C-alpha atoms as a PDB file:
ATOM      1  CA  MET A   1     -66.655  13.792 -21.229  1.00  0.00           C
ATOM      2  CA  TYR A   2     -65.997  10.808 -18.989  1.00  0.00           C
ATOM      3  CA  THR A   3     -68.589   8.195 -18.210  1.00  0.00           C
ATOM      4  CA  PHE A   4     -68.883   6.804 -14.719  1.00  0.00           C
ATOM      5  CA  ALA A   5     -71.296   4.010 -15.519  1.00  0.00           C
ATOM      6  CA  HIS A   6     -70.380   0.696 -13.962  1.00  0.00           C
ATOM      7  CA  ALA A   7     -69.624  -2.173 -16.280  1.00  0.00           C
ATOM      8  CA  GLN A   8     -72.045  -5.037 -16.110  1.00  0.00           C
ATOM      9  CA  PRO A   9     -70.587  -8.038 -14.258  1.00  0.00           C
ATOM     10  CA  VAL A  10     -69.559 -10.909 -16.485  1.00  0.00           C
ATOM     11  CA  ALA A  11     -70.409 -13.566 -13.903  1.00  0.00           C
ATOM     12  CA  SER A  12     -72.328 -13.731 -10.663  1.00  0.00           C
ATOM     13  CA  ALA A  13     -70.552 -13.977  -7.312  1.00  0.00           C
ATOM     14  CA  GLU A  14     -71.563 -17.642  -7.127  1.00  0.00           C
ATOM     15  CA  GLN A  15     -69.659 -18.274 -10.347  1.00  0.00           C
ATOM     16  CA  TRP A  16     -66.766 -15.948  -9.559  1.00  0.00           C
ATOM     17  CA  VAL A  17     -65.821 -17.336  -6.129  1.00  0.00           C
ATOM     18  CA  PRO A  18     -64.865 -20.862  -7.326  1.00  0.00           C
ATOM     19  CA  ILE A  19     -62.873 -19.334 -10.187  1.00  0.00           C
ATOM     20  CA  ALA A  20     -60.957 -17.099  -7.779  1.00  0.00           C
ATOM     21  CA  VAL A  21     -60.409 -19.972  -5.335  1.00  0.00           C
ATOM     22  CA  ARG A  22     -59.073 -22.242  -8.108  1.00  0.00           C
ATOM     23  CA  ARG A  23     -56.694 -19.493  -9.224  1.00  0.00           C
ATOM     24  CA  GLU A  24     -55.391 -19.004  -5.671  1.00  0.00           C
ATOM     25  CA  LEU A  25     -55.022 -22.775  -5.188  1.00  0.00           C
ATOM     26  CA  ALA A  26     -53.025 -22.987  -8.419  1.00  0.00           C
ATOM     27  CA  LYS A  27     -50.741 -20.193  -7.173  1.00  0.00           C
ATOM     28  CA  ALA A  28     -50.314 -21.945  -3.819  1.00  0.00           C
ATOM     29  CA  ILE A  29     -49.471 -25.257  -5.511  1.00  0.00           C
ATOM     30  CA  THR A  30     -46.876 -23.545  -7.703  1.00  0.00           C
ATOM     31  CA  LEU A  31     -45.300 -21.807  -4.698  1.00  0.00           C
ATOM     32  CA  MET A  32     -45.195 -25.039  -2.677  1.00  0.00           C
ATOM     33  CA  GLU A  33     -43.672 -26.953  -5.606  1.00  0.00           C
ATOM     34  CA  ASP A  34     -41.024 -24.250  -6.007  1.00  0.00           C
ATOM     35  CA  ALA A  35     -40.295 -24.371  -2.273  1.00  0.00           C
ATOM     36  CA  GLY A  36     -40.002 -28.160  -2.441  1.00  0.00           C
ATOM     37  CA  ALA A  37     -37.514 -27.890  -5.304  1.00  0.00           C
ATOM     38  CA  GLU A  38     -35.439 -25.401  -3.313  1.00  0.00           C
ATOM     39  CA  LEU A  39     -35.502 -27.732  -0.296  1.00  0.00           C
ATOM     40  CA  VAL A  40     -34.158 -30.579  -2.464  1.00  0.00           C
ATOM     41  CA  ALA A  41     -31.240 -28.367  -3.525  1.00  0.00           C
ATOM     42  CA  LEU A  42     -30.613 -27.222   0.059  1.00  0.00           C
ATOM     43  CA  ALA A  43     -30.633 -30.803   1.342  1.00  0.00           C
ATOM     44  CA  ALA A  44     -28.124 -31.821  -1.325  1.00  0.00           C
ATOM     45  CA  ASP A  45     -25.897 -28.850  -0.488  1.00  0.00           C
ATOM     46  CA  ALA A  46     -26.055 -29.741   3.208  1.00  0.00           C
ATOM     47  CA  ALA A  47     -24.833 -33.317   2.679  1.00  0.00           C
ATOM     48  CA  TRP A  48     -21.697 -32.869   4.796  1.00  0.00           C
ATOM     49  CA  GLU A  49     -20.278 -35.322   7.272  1.00  0.00           C
ATOM     50  CA  SER A  50     -21.021 -33.726  10.616  1.00  0.00           C
ATOM     51  CA  ASP A  51     -23.776 -34.069  13.207  1.00  0.00           C
ATOM     52  CA  GLY A  52     -24.953 -30.500  12.695  1.00  0.00           C
ATOM     53  CA  PHE A  53     -25.233 -30.827   8.954  1.00  0.00           C
ATOM     54  CA  ARG A  54     -26.880 -34.252   9.232  1.00  0.00           C
ATOM     55  CA  ALA A  55     -29.480 -32.706  11.528  1.00  0.00           C
ATOM     56  CA  LEU A  56     -29.961 -29.857   9.053  1.00  0.00           C
ATOM     57  CA  GLN A  57     -30.310 -32.307   6.199  1.00  0.00           C
ATOM     58  CA  GLU A  58     -32.894 -34.334   8.152  1.00  0.00           C
ATOM     59  CA  LEU A  59     -34.855 -31.164   8.912  1.00  0.00           C
ATOM     60  CA  LEU A  60     -34.757 -30.080   5.270  1.00  0.00           C
ATOM     61  CA  SER A  61     -35.834 -33.562   4.226  1.00  0.00           C
ATOM     62  CA  ARG A  62     -38.809 -33.462   6.632  1.00  0.00           C
ATOM     63  CA  LEU A  63     -39.743 -29.990   5.388  1.00  0.00           C
ATOM     64  CA  ARG A  64     -39.543 -31.231   1.785  1.00  0.00           C
ATOM     65  CA  ASP A  65     -41.819 -34.167   2.657  1.00  0.00           C
ATOM     66  CA  ASP A  66     -44.261 -31.863   4.459  1.00  0.00           C
ATOM     67  CA  THR A  67     -44.235 -29.535   1.461  1.00  0.00           C
ATOM     68  CA  GLY A  68     -45.021 -32.447  -0.852  1.00  0.00           C
ATOM     69  CA  ALA A  69     -47.882 -33.517   1.416  1.00  0.00           C
ATOM     70  CA  GLU A  70     -49.264 -29.977   1.380  1.00  0.00           C
ATOM     71  CA  VAL A  71     -49.087 -29.884  -2.423  1.00  0.00           C
ATOM     72  CA  GLY A  72     -51.133 -33.089  -2.417  1.00  0.00           C
ATOM     73  CA  GLU A  73     -53.731 -31.564  -0.083  1.00  0.00           C
ATOM     74  CA  LEU A  74     -53.995 -28.448  -2.255  1.00  0.00           C
ATOM     75  CA  ALA A  75     -54.324 -30.577  -5.389  1.00  0.00           C
ATOM     76  CA  VAL A  76     -57.194 -32.489  -3.753  1.00  0.00           C
ATOM     77  CA  ARG A  77     -58.950 -29.201  -2.922  1.00  0.00           C
ATOM     78  CA  GLU A  78     -58.413 -28.058  -6.515  1.00  0.00           C
ATOM     79  CA  TRP A  79     -59.858 -31.343  -7.807  1.00  0.00           C
ATOM     80  CA  GLU A  80     -62.836 -31.009  -5.467  1.00  0.00           C
ATOM     81  CA  LEU A  81     -63.583 -27.614  -7.028  1.00  0.00           C
ATOM     82  CA  GLY A  82     -63.532 -29.190 -10.473  1.00  0.00           C
ATOM     83  CA  GLY A  83     -60.199 -27.711 -11.519  1.00  0.00           C
END
């Protein structure tokens, strides 16, 4: 026969929320770092000698910088949570 009793929680919600937030921040940092790495490769591939490609390369460079800044912000939030 099957039992339908609920398992006792391992941690309270007060303890669980920071753990879940740290895990999500770590995922976000990893995704942003991966995106930044892809932007570096795209900027290198777009290093052609034309106005259009120079504009694309500048845009990709700005996006890479913005991504790096966002990684820094997420890392600060992670540090603030004690991660």
